[in-house]
Every structure is written in C-alpha cells, then in structure tokens.
C-alpha atoms as a PDB file:
ATOM      1  CA  MET A   1     -19.093   6.576 -35.610  1.00  0.00           C
ATOM      2  CA  ALA A   2     -20.115  10.234 -35.727  1.00  0.00           C
ATOM      3  CA  HIS A   3     -18.180  11.088 -32.562  1.00  0.00           C
ATOM      4  CA  GLN A   4     -14.866   9.522 -33.552  1.00  0.00           C
ATOM      5  CA  ASP A   5     -12.987  12.725 -34.483  1.00  0.00           C
ATOM      6  CA  ARG A   6     -14.257  14.673 -31.475  1.00  0.00           C
ATOM      7  CA  VAL A   7     -13.277  11.877 -29.079  1.00  0.00           C
ATOM      8  CA  TYR A   8      -9.822  11.541 -30.631  1.00  0.00           C
ATOM      9  CA  ASN A   9      -9.218  15.316 -30.621  1.00  0.00           C
ATOM     10  CA  THR A  10     -10.349  15.552 -27.001  1.00  0.00           C
ATOM     11  CA  CYS A  11      -7.985  12.739 -26.050  1.00  0.00           C
ATOM     12  CA  LEU A  12      -5.172  14.421 -27.924  1.00  0.00           C
ATOM     13  CA  GLY A  13      -5.857  17.675 -26.114  1.00  0.00           C
ATOM     14  CA  PHE A  14      -5.398  15.908 -22.786  1.00  0.00           C
ATOM     15  CA  VAL A  15      -2.613  13.373 -23.324  1.00  0.00           C
ATOM     16  CA  LYS A  16      -0.570  15.122 -26.038  1.00  0.00           C
ATOM     17  CA  HIS A  17       0.607  11.941 -27.758  1.00  0.00           C
ATOM     18  CA  GLU A  18      -0.943  10.618 -30.938  1.00  0.00           C
ATOM     19  CA  GLU A  19      -0.657   6.892 -30.189  1.00  0.00           C
ATOM     20  CA  GLU A  20      -1.857   7.297 -26.615  1.00  0.00           C
ATOM     21  CA  ALA A  21      -4.820   9.381 -27.810  1.00  0.00           C
ATOM     22  CA  GLU A  22      -5.730   6.644 -30.309  1.00  0.00           C
ATOM     23  CA  ASP A  23      -5.544   3.984 -27.590  1.00  0.00           C
ATOM     24  CA  ILE A  24      -7.725   5.980 -25.214  1.00  0.00           C
ATOM     25  CA  ALA A  25     -10.244   6.758 -27.961  1.00  0.00           C
ATOM     26  CA  GLN A  26     -10.495   3.046 -28.668  1.00  0.00           C
ATOM     27  CA  GLU A  27     -11.064   2.364 -24.955  1.00  0.00           C
ATOM     28  CA  VAL A  28     -13.800   5.021 -24.930  1.00  0.00           C
ATOM     29  CA  PHE A  29     -15.711   3.359 -27.753  1.00  0.00           C
ATOM     30  CA  ILE A  30     -15.300  -0.062 -26.193  1.00  0.00           C
ATOM     31  CA  GLN A  31     -16.800   1.285 -22.969  1.00  0.00           C
ATOM     32  CA  VAL A  32     -19.597   3.028 -24.889  1.00  0.00           C
ATOM     33  CA  TYR A  33     -20.426  -0.248 -26.629  1.00  0.00           C
ATOM     34  CA  GLU A  34     -20.228  -2.348 -23.468  1.00  0.00           C
ATOM     35  CA  SER A  35     -22.236   0.017 -21.290  1.00  0.00           C
ATOM     36  CA  TYR A  36     -24.747   1.448 -23.765  1.00  0.00           C
ATOM     37  CA  ASP A  37     -27.580  -0.458 -22.080  1.00  0.00           C
ATOM     38  CA  THR A  38     -26.850   1.521 -18.875  1.00  0.00           C
ATOM     39  CA  PHE A  39     -27.072   4.862 -20.699  1.00  0.00           C
ATOM     40  CA  LEU A  40     -30.138   6.461 -19.157  1.00  0.00           C
ATOM     41  CA  GLN A  41     -30.710   9.004 -21.916  1.00  0.00           C
ATOM     42  CA  LYS A  42     -31.216  11.755 -19.342  1.00  0.00           C
ATOM     43  CA  ALA A  43     -28.394  13.544 -21.120  1.00  0.00           C
ATOM     44  CA  GLU A  44     -27.465  13.677 -24.759  1.00  0.00           C
ATOM     45  CA  LEU A  45     -25.387  10.829 -26.144  1.00  0.00           C
ATOM     46  CA  SER A  46     -22.554  13.252 -26.963  1.00  0.00           C
ATOM     47  CA  THR A  47     -22.433  14.468 -23.352  1.00  0.00           C
ATOM     48  CA  TRP A  48     -22.245  10.893 -22.082  1.00  0.00           C
ATOM     49  CA  ILE A  49     -19.449  10.090 -24.551  1.00  0.00           C
ATOM     50  CA  TYR A  50     -17.534  13.238 -23.531  1.00  0.00           C
ATOM     51  CA  LYS A  51     -17.850  12.241 -19.887  1.00  0.00           C
ATOM     52  CA  ILE A  52     -16.391   8.797 -20.641  1.00  0.00           C
ATOM     53  CA  THR A  53     -13.651  10.392 -22.751  1.00  0.00           C
ATOM     54  CA  VAL A  54     -12.608  12.849 -20.046  1.00  0.00           C
ATOM     55  CA  ASN A  55     -12.587  10.127 -17.402  1.00  0.00           C
ATOM     56  CA  LYS A  56     -10.469   7.814 -19.582  1.00  0.00           C
ATOM     57  CA  CYS A  57      -8.025  10.647 -20.325  1.00  0.00           C
ATOM     58  CA  LEU A  58      -7.676  11.590 -16.670  1.00  0.00           C
ATOM     59  CA  GLU A  59      -7.187   7.942 -15.772  1.00  0.00           C
ATOM     60  CA  ALA A  60      -4.374   7.673 -18.341  1.00  0.00           C
ATOM     61  CA  ILE A  61      -2.738  10.870 -17.071  1.00  0.00           C
ATOM     62  CA  ARG A  62      -2.829   9.594 -13.487  1.00  0.00           C
ATOM     63  CA  LYS A  63      -1.296   6.264 -14.534  1.00  0.00           C
ATOM     64  CA  SER A  64       1.440   8.063 -16.449  1.00  0.00           C
ATOM     65  CA  LYS A  65       2.250  10.280 -13.465  1.00  0.00           C
ATOM     66  CA  ALA A  66       2.394   7.233 -11.196  1.00  0.00           C
ATOM     67  CA  LYS A  67       4.800   5.503 -13.604  1.00  0.00           C
ATOM     68  CA  ARG A  68       7.017   8.587 -13.685  1.00  0.00           C
ATOM     69  CA  ARG A  69       7.084   8.778  -9.894  1.00  0.00           C
ATOM     70  CA  SER A  70       7.966   5.104  -9.607  1.00  0.00           C
ATOM     71  CA  GLY A  71      10.611   5.367 -12.309  1.00  0.00           C
ATOM     72  CA  THR A  72       9.059   2.579 -14.404  1.00  0.00           C
ATOM     73  CA  GLU A  73       8.428   4.785 -17.429  1.00  0.00           C
ATOM     74  CA  PRO A  74      11.639   5.226 -19.415  1.00  0.00           C
ATOM     75  CA  ASN A  75      12.295   8.599 -21.031  1.00  0.00           C
ATOM     76  CA  ALA A  76       9.496  10.190 -19.015  1.00  0.00           C
ATOM     77  CA  GLU A  77      11.190  13.572 -19.107  1.00  0.00           C
ATOM     78  CA  LEU A  78      11.609  13.419 -22.861  1.00  0.00           C
ATOM     79  CA  LYS A  79       7.979  12.352 -23.287  1.00  0.00           C
ATOM     80  CA  ASP A  80       6.823  15.411 -21.336  1.00  0.00           C
ATOM     81  CA  TYR A  81       8.369  17.692 -23.938  1.00  0.00           C
ATOM     82  CA  MET A  82       6.997  16.013 -27.050  1.00  0.00           C
ATOM     83  CA  LEU A  83       4.751  18.518 -28.743  1.00  0.00           C
ATOM     84  CA  VAL A  84       1.042  17.953 -29.132  1.00  0.00           C
ATOM     85  CA  SER A  85       1.004  20.840 -31.561  1.00  0.00           C
ATOM     86  CA  ASN A  86       2.736  18.659 -34.130  1.00  0.00           C
ATOM     87  CA  VAL A  87      -0.311  16.436 -34.367  1.00  0.00           C
ATOM     88  CA  HIS A  88      -3.326  18.315 -33.019  1.00  0.00           C
ATOM     89  CA  PRO A  89      -5.553  19.192 -35.978  1.00  0.00           C
ATOM     90  CA  GLY A  90      -6.528  22.586 -34.564  1.00  0.00           C
ATOM     91  CA  VAL A  91      -2.995  23.970 -34.672  1.00  0.00           C
ATOM     92  CA  GLN A  92      -1.779  25.686 -37.825  1.00  0.00           C
ATOM     93  CA  LEU A  93       1.842  25.404 -38.855  1.00  0.00           C
ATOM     94  CA  GLU A  94       2.837  28.962 -37.936  1.00  0.00           C
ATOM     95  CA  ASN A  95       1.400  28.585 -34.413  1.00  0.00           C
ATOM     96  CA  LYS A  96       3.083  25.297 -33.473  1.00  0.00           C
ATOM     97  CA  GLU A  97       5.677  26.735 -31.093  1.00  0.00           C
ATOM     98  CA  ARG A  98       3.157  28.918 -29.247  1.00  0.00           C
ATOM     99  CA  ALA A  99       0.702  26.028 -29.116  1.00  0.00           C
ATOM    100  CA  SER A 100       3.289  23.697 -27.620  1.00  0.00           C
ATOM    101  CA  ILE A 101       4.043  26.269 -24.915  1.00  0.00           C
ATOM    102  CA  LEU A 102       0.327  26.681 -24.215  1.00  0.00           C
ATOM    103  CA  PHE A 103      -0.304  22.918 -24.038  1.00  0.00           C
ATOM    104  CA  ALA A 104       2.624  22.529 -21.638  1.00  0.00           C
ATOM    105  CA  ALA A 105       1.148  25.274 -19.440  1.00  0.00           C
ATOM    106  CA  ILE A 106      -2.325  23.682 -19.543  1.00  0.00           C
ATOM    107  CA  ALA A 107      -0.785  20.408 -18.372  1.00  0.00           C
ATOM    108  CA  LYS A 108       0.471  22.225 -15.251  1.00  0.00           C
ATOM    109  CA  LEU A 109      -3.030  23.317 -14.207  1.00  0.00           C
ATOM    110  CA  PRO A 110      -4.885  21.470 -11.435  1.00  0.00           C
ATOM    111  CA  GLU A 111      -6.978  18.682 -12.948  1.00  0.00           C
ATOM    112  CA  PRO A 112     -10.428  20.352 -12.649  1.00  0.00           C
ATOM    113  CA  GLN A 113      -9.122  23.541 -14.281  1.00  0.00           C
ATOM    114  CA  GLN A 114      -7.352  21.542 -16.982  1.00  0.00           C
ATOM    115  CA  VAL A 115     -10.556  19.667 -17.796  1.00  0.00           C
ATOM    116  CA  ALA A 116     -12.721  22.796 -17.923  1.00  0.00           C
ATOM    117  CA  TYR A 117     -10.187  24.766 -19.960  1.00  0.00           C
ATOM    118  CA  THR A 118      -9.559  21.955 -22.449  1.00  0.00           C
ATOM    119  CA  LEU A 119     -13.252  21.313 -22.996  1.00  0.00           C
ATOM    120  CA  ASN A 120     -14.036  25.024 -23.385  1.00  0.00           C
ATOM    121  CA  LYS A 121     -11.102  26.487 -25.282  1.00  0.00           C
ATOM    122  CA  ILE A 122      -9.853  23.492 -27.253  1.00  0.00           C
ATOM    123  CA  GLU A 123     -13.042  21.511 -27.823  1.00  0.00           C
ATOM    124  CA  GLY A 124     -15.406  24.501 -27.920  1.00  0.00           C
ATOM    125  CA  LEU A 125     -17.947  23.233 -25.397  1.00  0.00           C
ATOM    126  CA  SER A 126     -20.200  25.772 -23.714  1.00  0.00           C
ATOM    127  CA  TYR A 127     -20.299  26.266 -19.945  1.00  0.00           C
ATOM    128  CA  HIS A 128     -23.588  24.370 -19.886  1.00  0.00           C
ATOM    129  CA  GLU A 129     -22.115  21.418 -21.798  1.00  0.00           C
ATOM    130  CA  ILE A 130     -19.040  21.342 -19.561  1.00  0.00           C
ATOM    131  CA  SER A 131     -21.338  21.385 -16.548  1.00  0.00           C
ATOM    132  CA  LYS A 132     -23.122  18.303 -17.863  1.00  0.00           C
ATOM    133  CA  VAL A 133     -19.883  16.470 -18.668  1.00  0.00           C
ATOM    134  CA  THR A 134     -18.166  17.204 -15.356  1.00  0.00           C
ATOM    135  CA  GLY A 135     -21.209  17.123 -13.080  1.00  0.00           C
ATOM    136  CA  LYS A 136     -20.304  20.567 -11.717  1.00  0.00           C
ATOM    137  CA  SER A 137     -22.619  23.555 -11.572  1.00  0.00           C
ATOM    138  CA  LYS A 138     -22.390  26.205 -14.261  1.00  0.00           C
ATOM    139  CA  SER A 139     -21.008  28.686 -11.717  1.00  0.00           C
ATOM    140  CA  SER A 140     -18.325  26.161 -10.702  1.00  0.00           C
ATOM    141  CA  VAL A 141     -17.336  25.788 -14.341  1.00  0.00           C
ATOM    142  CA  GLU A 142     -17.152  29.581 -14.700  1.00  0.00           C
ATOM    143  CA  SER A 143     -14.969  29.756 -11.608  1.00  0.00           C
ATOM    144  CA  LEU A 144     -12.688  26.950 -12.842  1.00  0.00           C
ATOM    145  CA  LEU A 145     -12.252  28.667 -16.192  1.00  0.00           C
ATOM    146  CA  HIS A 146     -11.536  32.010 -14.530  1.00  0.00           C
ATOM    147  CA  ARG A 147      -8.882  30.458 -12.271  1.00  0.00           C
ATOM    148  CA  ALA A 148      -7.414  28.516 -15.201  1.00  0.00           C
ATOM    149  CA  LYS A 149      -7.072  31.715 -17.231  1.00  0.00           C
ATOM    150  CA  GLN A 150      -5.401  33.497 -14.313  1.00  0.00           C
ATOM    151  CA  SER A 151      -2.998  30.598 -13.765  1.00  0.00           C
ATOM    152  CA  LEU A 152      -2.158  30.409 -17.453  1.00  0.00           C
ATOM    153  CA  GLN A 153      -1.498  34.145 -17.578  1.00  0.00           C
ATOM    154  CA  LYS A 154       0.987  33.792 -14.714  1.00  0.00           C
ATOM    155  CA  LEU A 155       2.649  30.710 -16.187  1.00  0.00           C
ATOM    156  CA  LEU A 156       2.933  32.199 -19.653  1.00  0.00           C
ATOM    157  CA  LYS A 157       4.086  35.591 -18.372  1.00  0.00           C
ATOM    158  CA  THR A 158       6.866  33.868 -16.441  1.00  0.00           C
ATOM    159  CA  TYR A 159       7.832  31.830 -19.500  1.00  0.00           C
ATOM    160  CA  TYR A 160       7.969  34.814 -21.836  1.00  0.00           C
ATOM    161  CA  GLU A 161       9.877  36.946 -19.330  1.00  0.00           C
ATOM    162  CA  GLU A 162      12.506  34.202 -19.016  1.00  0.00           C
ATOM    163  CA  SER A 163      12.788  33.746 -22.803  1.00  0.00           C
END
C-alpha cells in the first residue's frame, strides 16, 4: 500500500518502539480495510488514514500508561528510556542522542500538543493537513504548535542546564 511507510513512521514517532509501531500500523490497515465502505470521501484518503493512525497511536499510549499505573507492565521504566532514534528513519547517526532527548521531551507534552507537533515537525504535515486530521481549526493547530514549542524550549533548557 502506498501509505505503508508514512503510517509506520507516524506510529514510530508516537510510540517509540519498533515492534509496537509495526503492530499499530497493522491495526490501522485492518481498520482501513474493514471500514473503507464508511469512508465518505469528503477528505483525502491520506487524511483519513492519518486520522486513524493518530487515534490508534493515542489509544496505544493510553493503554500503556494505564498498564504502568496498575503495575502490570514489567520493566515500564526501562521501556520509557528505550530510544526511538535508534530506529526512526529520519534520524541520522550523529544526531541520535539529541533526537532521543527530543523524543523524550515530546512524550512529556500534553496529548493535543504532542499530536500537532509530531504531525508537523516529524511527519511534515501542514497546518491545514493537521487541522483536517485532528478536526481542530487551523488557528487551534497554530496555538497548539506554539505552546508545544514553548514547552519543549523549557524542557530542553532544563535538561541541558542540568547536564
């Protein structure tokens, strides 16, 4: 499928673990197949697929957080520090450490900011495309991205001052 790499990379940008990203990507395409007849074609197919992808990723993140809170996920702390930069195709070798720090900071953002930032800065979607995927107005997307950038600056400043 033409969207396979983009879906996988988007999943990887959210969940940070190769196997989990593969599982979610598979779930996305299963849902696309099973619900294609409900696709209204008011939006582009790629926008609809991104929307499903983001929702599946957020669902997986919520489940993972619930498992950590309940103590049913072994090695949860260790899993949090595994580096997405080791597998994400957009990260070059010399930038792996900085990328891992950035991805950890992105994971600390509130969910709407995390979604907007990931779709814009990692996946390269425009404000208009993000607006379609999230169902938020373009000005809301701009605001989310602005707040995400401010939050990341604070988080990263604190990290680098402590290092």
